[in-house]
Amino acid sequence: MSNIPGELKYTSTHEWVRIEENGTVTIGVTEHAQDLLGDVVFVELPDVGANLAASEEAGVVESVKAASDLYAPIAGEVVEINEALQEAPELVNSDPYNDGWFFKLKVSDKSELDGLMSAEDYKAQCDAED
């Protein structure tokens, strides 16, 4: 089974959310998702300053196998993107929870975080998919 850090929140579409000390959230795709995708070769990220609604398409991850949409887990304003992924998209494969993050949001409604899955719930979803 893939690594599923307990301190993160998760979505049914395989994004993870880390709540930062300054109140922003960092978003990426899970180890399970990158395993399914295979070698990531290109990442399209949202523009800094973009306002995203929860579940809105925020970008695209392309791998040698397929292209997959990236969704905003919660609503907010994009305050930073991971520029390193433009030159090194393989970071998504090698370190999905740290160097392979996608973007950071200033959260519009913190209560939306309550609707995300715990690590245990996400693990159960992944187990059901396998």
N, C-alpha and C. Protein backbone atom coordinates (compact mmCIF):
# COMPACT_ATOMS: atom_id res chain seq x y z
N MET A 1 0.85 -1.19 0.00
CA MET A 1 0.00 0.00 0.00
C MET A 1 0.88 1.24 0.00
N SER A 2 0.42 2.24 -0.67
CA SER A 2 1.14 3.51 -0.77
C SER A 2 1.26 4.19 0.59
N ASN A 3 2.22 5.08 0.67
CA ASN A 3 2.41 5.91 1.85
C ASN A 3 1.26 6.92 1.93
N ILE A 4 0.58 6.97 3.08
CA ILE A 4 -0.54 7.90 3.29
C ILE A 4 -0.30 8.63 4.61
N PRO A 5 0.40 9.78 4.56
CA PRO A 5 0.69 10.51 5.81
C PRO A 5 -0.58 10.88 6.59
N GLY A 6 -0.55 10.61 7.89
CA GLY A 6 -1.71 10.83 8.74
C GLY A 6 -2.07 12.28 8.99
N GLU A 7 -1.11 13.20 8.83
CA GLU A 7 -1.37 14.61 9.13
C GLU A 7 -2.05 15.35 7.98
N LEU A 8 -2.19 14.70 6.83
CA LEU A 8 -2.79 15.36 5.67
C LEU A 8 -4.28 15.04 5.55
N LYS A 9 -4.97 15.83 4.76
CA LYS A 9 -6.36 15.58 4.38
C LYS A 9 -6.34 15.12 2.93
N TYR A 10 -7.39 14.43 2.48
CA TYR A 10 -7.40 13.82 1.16
C TYR A 10 -8.75 14.02 0.46
N THR A 11 -8.71 13.89 -0.88
CA THR A 11 -9.94 13.95 -1.67
C THR A 11 -10.15 12.61 -2.37
N SER A 12 -11.36 12.38 -2.83
CA SER A 12 -11.66 11.15 -3.55
C SER A 12 -10.97 11.13 -4.91
N THR A 13 -10.49 12.30 -5.39
CA THR A 13 -9.79 12.38 -6.67
C THR A 13 -8.27 12.34 -6.49
N HIS A 14 -7.82 11.93 -5.31
CA HIS A 14 -6.42 11.64 -5.01
C HIS A 14 -5.53 12.87 -4.83
N GLU A 15 -6.10 14.00 -4.45
CA GLU A 15 -5.28 15.13 -4.05
C GLU A 15 -5.09 15.09 -2.54
N TRP A 16 -3.97 15.60 -2.08
CA TRP A 16 -3.73 15.75 -0.63
C TRP A 16 -3.69 17.24 -0.30
N VAL A 17 -4.00 17.56 0.97
CA VAL A 17 -4.03 18.94 1.45
C VAL A 17 -3.29 19.00 2.78
N ARG A 18 -2.28 19.88 2.84
CA ARG A 18 -1.56 20.11 4.08
C ARG A 18 -1.89 21.51 4.57
N ILE A 19 -2.37 21.62 5.80
CA ILE A 19 -2.70 22.92 6.39
C ILE A 19 -1.41 23.50 6.97
N GLU A 20 -1.02 24.66 6.48
CA GLU A 20 0.23 25.30 6.90
C GLU A 20 -0.02 26.21 8.11
N GLU A 21 1.04 26.54 8.82
CA GLU A 21 0.92 27.37 10.03
C GLU A 21 0.34 28.75 9.74
N ASN A 22 0.60 29.28 8.52
CA ASN A 22 0.10 30.62 8.19
C ASN A 22 -1.35 30.62 7.70
N GLY A 23 -1.99 29.45 7.71
CA GLY A 23 -3.40 29.36 7.32
C GLY A 23 -3.62 28.99 5.86
N THR A 24 -2.56 29.02 5.05
CA THR A 24 -2.72 28.56 3.67
C THR A 24 -2.72 27.04 3.66
N VAL A 25 -3.05 26.47 2.50
CA VAL A 25 -2.97 25.03 2.34
C VAL A 25 -2.10 24.72 1.12
N THR A 26 -1.33 23.66 1.23
CA THR A 26 -0.51 23.17 0.13
C THR A 26 -1.21 21.94 -0.43
N ILE A 27 -1.21 21.83 -1.78
CA ILE A 27 -1.95 20.77 -2.45
C ILE A 27 -1.03 20.02 -3.41
N GLY A 28 -1.19 18.71 -3.43
CA GLY A 28 -0.47 17.87 -4.38
C GLY A 28 -1.29 16.63 -4.67
N VAL A 29 -0.69 15.68 -5.38
CA VAL A 29 -1.36 14.40 -5.59
C VAL A 29 -0.67 13.34 -4.74
N THR A 30 -1.44 12.34 -4.38
CA THR A 30 -0.96 11.31 -3.47
C THR A 30 0.02 10.36 -4.15
N GLU A 31 0.74 9.63 -3.32
CA GLU A 31 1.63 8.60 -3.83
C GLU A 31 0.85 7.58 -4.64
N HIS A 32 -0.34 7.23 -4.17
CA HIS A 32 -1.20 6.29 -4.88
C HIS A 32 -1.52 6.82 -6.29
N ALA A 33 -1.85 8.11 -6.39
CA ALA A 33 -2.18 8.70 -7.69
C ALA A 33 -0.98 8.68 -8.62
N GLN A 34 0.18 9.05 -8.12
CA GLN A 34 1.36 9.07 -9.01
C GLN A 34 1.76 7.65 -9.41
N ASP A 35 1.50 6.66 -8.54
CA ASP A 35 1.74 5.26 -8.92
C ASP A 35 0.86 4.88 -10.10
N LEU A 36 -0.41 5.29 -10.05
CA LEU A 36 -1.34 4.98 -11.13
C LEU A 36 -0.98 5.70 -12.42
N LEU A 37 -0.51 6.93 -12.29
CA LEU A 37 -0.15 7.72 -13.47
C LEU A 37 1.09 7.21 -14.18
N GLY A 38 2.05 6.74 -13.43
CA GLY A 38 3.34 6.39 -14.01
C GLY A 38 4.23 7.62 -14.06
N ASP A 39 5.25 7.59 -14.90
CA ASP A 39 6.23 8.67 -14.95
C ASP A 39 5.59 9.97 -15.42
N VAL A 40 5.59 10.98 -14.55
CA VAL A 40 5.02 12.29 -14.87
C VAL A 40 6.01 13.04 -15.76
N VAL A 41 5.50 13.56 -16.90
CA VAL A 41 6.36 14.25 -17.86
C VAL A 41 6.02 15.73 -18.02
N PHE A 42 4.84 16.15 -17.54
CA PHE A 42 4.43 17.55 -17.67
C PHE A 42 3.35 17.85 -16.65
N VAL A 43 3.41 19.06 -16.08
CA VAL A 43 2.38 19.50 -15.13
C VAL A 43 1.94 20.90 -15.53
N GLU A 44 0.64 21.08 -15.68
CA GLU A 44 0.06 22.41 -15.94
C GLU A 44 -0.61 22.86 -14.65
N LEU A 45 -0.17 24.01 -14.13
CA LEU A 45 -0.66 24.50 -12.84
C LEU A 45 -1.51 25.75 -13.04
N PRO A 46 -2.35 26.07 -12.04
CA PRO A 46 -3.16 27.28 -12.16
C PRO A 46 -2.30 28.53 -12.05
N ASP A 47 -2.84 29.66 -12.46
CA ASP A 47 -2.13 30.93 -12.35
C ASP A 47 -2.19 31.46 -10.93
N VAL A 48 -1.09 32.04 -10.47
CA VAL A 48 -1.11 32.72 -9.17
C VAL A 48 -2.12 33.85 -9.27
N GLY A 49 -2.97 33.97 -8.25
CA GLY A 49 -4.02 34.98 -8.24
C GLY A 49 -5.36 34.44 -8.67
N ALA A 50 -5.38 33.25 -9.28
CA ALA A 50 -6.65 32.65 -9.71
C ALA A 50 -7.49 32.28 -8.49
N ASN A 51 -8.79 32.51 -8.59
CA ASN A 51 -9.72 32.09 -7.56
C ASN A 51 -10.39 30.80 -8.02
N LEU A 52 -10.21 29.75 -7.25
CA LEU A 52 -10.73 28.44 -7.61
C LEU A 52 -11.88 28.06 -6.69
N ALA A 53 -12.90 27.44 -7.27
CA ALA A 53 -14.00 26.88 -6.48
C ALA A 53 -13.62 25.45 -6.10
N ALA A 54 -14.21 24.95 -5.03
CA ALA A 54 -13.99 23.56 -4.64
C ALA A 54 -14.41 22.66 -5.79
N SER A 55 -13.60 21.66 -6.09
CA SER A 55 -13.81 20.68 -7.15
C SER A 55 -13.61 21.23 -8.56
N GLU A 56 -13.17 22.48 -8.68
CA GLU A 56 -12.91 23.06 -9.99
C GLU A 56 -11.60 22.52 -10.55
N GLU A 57 -11.55 22.31 -11.86
CA GLU A 57 -10.31 21.87 -12.49
C GLU A 57 -9.26 22.96 -12.29
N ALA A 58 -8.09 22.55 -11.80
CA ALA A 58 -7.04 23.51 -11.48
C ALA A 58 -5.79 23.32 -12.33
N GLY A 59 -5.73 22.22 -13.06
CA GLY A 59 -4.56 21.96 -13.87
C GLY A 59 -4.62 20.57 -14.45
N VAL A 60 -3.49 20.15 -15.02
CA VAL A 60 -3.39 18.85 -15.67
C VAL A 60 -2.04 18.23 -15.32
N VAL A 61 -2.06 16.93 -15.10
CA VAL A 61 -0.83 16.16 -14.91
C VAL A 61 -0.75 15.18 -16.07
N GLU A 62 0.34 15.25 -16.83
CA GLU A 62 0.53 14.33 -17.94
C GLU A 62 1.64 13.36 -17.62
N SER A 63 1.39 12.10 -17.91
CA SER A 63 2.39 11.06 -17.68
C SER A 63 2.59 10.29 -18.98
N VAL A 64 3.49 9.34 -18.93
CA VAL A 64 3.71 8.51 -20.11
C VAL A 64 2.48 7.66 -20.42
N LYS A 65 1.61 7.45 -19.43
CA LYS A 65 0.41 6.63 -19.61
C LYS A 65 -0.81 7.44 -20.03
N ALA A 66 -1.00 8.63 -19.42
CA ALA A 66 -2.26 9.36 -19.63
C ALA A 66 -2.13 10.78 -19.12
N ALA A 67 -3.16 11.56 -19.42
CA ALA A 67 -3.29 12.90 -18.84
C ALA A 67 -4.43 12.83 -17.83
N SER A 68 -4.26 13.52 -16.72
CA SER A 68 -5.26 13.49 -15.66
C SER A 68 -5.49 14.90 -15.16
N ASP A 69 -6.76 15.25 -14.95
CA ASP A 69 -7.08 16.57 -14.42
C ASP A 69 -6.71 16.65 -12.95
N LEU A 70 -6.33 17.85 -12.55
CA LEU A 70 -6.02 18.17 -11.16
C LEU A 70 -7.14 19.10 -10.67
N TYR A 71 -7.70 18.80 -9.50
CA TYR A 71 -8.83 19.57 -8.98
C TYR A 71 -8.47 20.31 -7.70
N ALA A 72 -9.12 21.44 -7.51
CA ALA A 72 -8.98 22.19 -6.26
C ALA A 72 -9.82 21.48 -5.20
N PRO A 73 -9.20 21.02 -4.12
CA PRO A 73 -9.97 20.30 -3.09
C PRO A 73 -10.93 21.21 -2.33
N ILE A 74 -10.57 22.49 -2.21
CA ILE A 74 -11.41 23.47 -1.54
C ILE A 74 -11.29 24.79 -2.29
N ALA A 75 -12.15 25.73 -1.98
CA ALA A 75 -12.12 27.03 -2.65
C ALA A 75 -11.04 27.91 -2.06
N GLY A 76 -10.46 28.74 -2.93
CA GLY A 76 -9.46 29.67 -2.45
C GLY A 76 -8.73 30.36 -3.58
N GLU A 77 -7.83 31.25 -3.19
CA GLU A 77 -7.01 31.98 -4.14
C GLU A 77 -5.62 31.35 -4.21
N VAL A 78 -5.15 31.09 -5.42
CA VAL A 78 -3.82 30.53 -5.61
C VAL A 78 -2.79 31.59 -5.23
N VAL A 79 -1.97 31.30 -4.23
CA VAL A 79 -0.97 32.27 -3.77
C VAL A 79 0.45 31.87 -4.17
N GLU A 80 0.63 30.62 -4.59
CA GLU A 80 1.96 30.17 -5.01
C GLU A 80 1.81 28.88 -5.81
N ILE A 81 2.68 28.72 -6.81
CA ILE A 81 2.76 27.45 -7.52
C ILE A 81 4.18 26.92 -7.39
N ASN A 82 4.32 25.62 -7.57
CA ASN A 82 5.63 24.99 -7.48
C ASN A 82 6.33 25.11 -8.83
N GLU A 83 7.11 26.18 -8.98
CA GLU A 83 7.81 26.47 -10.24
C GLU A 83 8.78 25.34 -10.61
N ALA A 84 9.29 24.62 -9.63
CA ALA A 84 10.27 23.55 -9.89
C ALA A 84 9.68 22.46 -10.79
N LEU A 85 8.35 22.29 -10.76
CA LEU A 85 7.73 21.25 -11.57
C LEU A 85 7.79 21.54 -13.06
N GLN A 86 7.98 22.80 -13.43
CA GLN A 86 8.09 23.13 -14.86
C GLN A 86 9.33 22.49 -15.47
N GLU A 87 10.41 22.51 -14.72
CA GLU A 87 11.67 21.94 -15.20
C GLU A 87 11.85 20.48 -14.78
N ALA A 88 11.21 20.09 -13.68
CA ALA A 88 11.41 18.74 -13.14
C ALA A 88 10.08 18.11 -12.70
N PRO A 89 9.18 17.80 -13.66
CA PRO A 89 7.88 17.22 -13.29
C PRO A 89 8.01 15.87 -12.59
N GLU A 90 9.15 15.22 -12.74
CA GLU A 90 9.36 13.92 -12.10
C GLU A 90 9.39 14.01 -10.58
N LEU A 91 9.47 15.22 -10.03
CA LEU A 91 9.39 15.39 -8.57
C LEU A 91 8.07 14.86 -8.02
N VAL A 92 7.03 14.88 -8.85
CA VAL A 92 5.74 14.33 -8.43
C VAL A 92 5.88 12.84 -8.13
N ASN A 93 6.71 12.14 -8.92
CA ASN A 93 6.93 10.71 -8.69
C ASN A 93 7.89 10.45 -7.54
N SER A 94 8.97 11.21 -7.47
CA SER A 94 10.01 10.92 -6.49
C SER A 94 9.68 11.40 -5.08
N ASP A 95 8.87 12.46 -4.96
CA ASP A 95 8.59 13.01 -3.63
C ASP A 95 7.22 13.71 -3.63
N PRO A 96 6.13 12.95 -3.80
CA PRO A 96 4.82 13.58 -3.98
C PRO A 96 4.35 14.43 -2.80
N TYR A 97 4.82 14.15 -1.59
CA TYR A 97 4.32 14.88 -0.42
C TYR A 97 5.20 16.06 -0.01
N ASN A 98 6.34 16.23 -0.63
CA ASN A 98 7.23 17.33 -0.26
C ASN A 98 7.61 18.14 -1.49
N ASP A 99 8.68 17.78 -2.17
CA ASP A 99 9.14 18.57 -3.32
C ASP A 99 8.16 18.54 -4.49
N GLY A 100 7.28 17.54 -4.54
CA GLY A 100 6.35 17.40 -5.66
C GLY A 100 5.00 18.06 -5.46
N TRP A 101 4.87 18.98 -4.51
CA TRP A 101 3.60 19.69 -4.31
C TRP A 101 3.27 20.53 -5.55
N PHE A 102 1.98 20.90 -5.71
CA PHE A 102 1.54 21.62 -6.90
C PHE A 102 1.32 23.11 -6.67
N PHE A 103 0.41 23.44 -5.75
CA PHE A 103 0.11 24.85 -5.52
C PHE A 103 -0.38 25.07 -4.10
N LYS A 104 -0.38 26.36 -3.71
CA LYS A 104 -0.85 26.75 -2.38
C LYS A 104 -2.04 27.68 -2.54
N LEU A 105 -3.00 27.51 -1.65
CA LEU A 105 -4.22 28.31 -1.65
C LEU A 105 -4.38 29.10 -0.36
N LYS A 106 -4.88 30.32 -0.50
CA LYS A 106 -5.42 31.06 0.63
C LYS A 106 -6.88 30.64 0.70
N VAL A 107 -7.25 29.95 1.75
CA VAL A 107 -8.55 29.30 1.87
C VAL A 107 -9.68 30.33 1.99
N SER A 108 -10.74 30.13 1.20
CA SER A 108 -11.92 31.01 1.27
C SER A 108 -12.79 30.68 2.47
N ASP A 109 -13.02 29.39 2.71
CA ASP A 109 -13.92 28.94 3.77
C ASP A 109 -13.29 27.75 4.48
N LYS A 110 -12.71 28.00 5.64
CA LYS A 110 -11.99 26.95 6.37
C LYS A 110 -12.88 25.75 6.71
N SER A 111 -14.20 25.94 6.78
CA SER A 111 -15.08 24.82 7.11
C SER A 111 -15.06 23.75 6.01
N GLU A 112 -14.65 24.12 4.78
CA GLU A 112 -14.56 23.14 3.70
C GLU A 112 -13.52 22.06 4.02
N LEU A 113 -12.54 22.40 4.84
CA LEU A 113 -11.52 21.41 5.23
C LEU A 113 -12.15 20.23 5.95
N ASP A 114 -13.26 20.49 6.66
CA ASP A 114 -13.93 19.42 7.40
C ASP A 114 -14.53 18.36 6.48
N GLY A 115 -14.77 18.72 5.22
CA GLY A 115 -15.36 17.79 4.27
C GLY A 115 -14.35 16.88 3.58
N LEU A 116 -13.06 17.09 3.86
CA LEU A 116 -12.03 16.26 3.25
C LEU A 116 -11.83 14.97 4.05
N MET A 117 -11.25 13.98 3.41
CA MET A 117 -11.07 12.68 4.05
C MET A 117 -9.83 12.63 4.95
N SER A 118 -9.93 11.84 5.99
CA SER A 118 -8.77 11.55 6.84
C SER A 118 -7.91 10.52 6.12
N ALA A 119 -6.70 10.31 6.62
CA ALA A 119 -5.81 9.30 6.05
C ALA A 119 -6.48 7.92 6.09
N GLU A 120 -7.18 7.61 7.17
CA GLU A 120 -7.83 6.31 7.30
C GLU A 120 -8.92 6.14 6.24
N ASP A 121 -9.73 7.19 6.04
CA ASP A 121 -10.80 7.13 5.04
C ASP A 121 -10.22 7.01 3.63
N TYR A 122 -9.14 7.75 3.37
CA TYR A 122 -8.52 7.68 2.06
C TYR A 122 -7.93 6.29 1.81
N LYS A 123 -7.28 5.72 2.83
CA LYS A 123 -6.73 4.37 2.69
C LYS A 123 -7.83 3.37 2.37
N ALA A 124 -8.98 3.51 3.03
CA ALA A 124 -10.11 2.61 2.77
C ALA A 124 -10.59 2.75 1.33
N GLN A 125 -10.62 3.99 0.82
CA GLN A 125 -11.02 4.20 -0.58
C GLN A 125 -10.03 3.52 -1.52
N CYS A 126 -8.74 3.71 -1.27
CA CYS A 126 -7.72 3.10 -2.13
C CYS A 126 -7.79 1.58 -2.09
N ASP A 127 -8.00 1.04 -0.90
CA ASP A 127 -8.11 -0.41 -0.77
C ASP A 127 -9.31 -0.94 -1.56
N ALA A 128 -10.41 -0.18 -1.55
CA ALA A 128 -11.62 -0.58 -2.27
C ALA A 128 -11.39 -0.52 -3.79
N GLU A 129 -10.53 0.40 -4.25
CA GLU A 129 -10.24 0.54 -5.68
C GLU A 129 -9.33 -0.55 -6.20
N ASP A 130 -8.48 -1.08 -5.32
CA ASP A 130 -7.48 -2.08 -5.77
C ASP A 130 -8.09 -3.43 -6.06
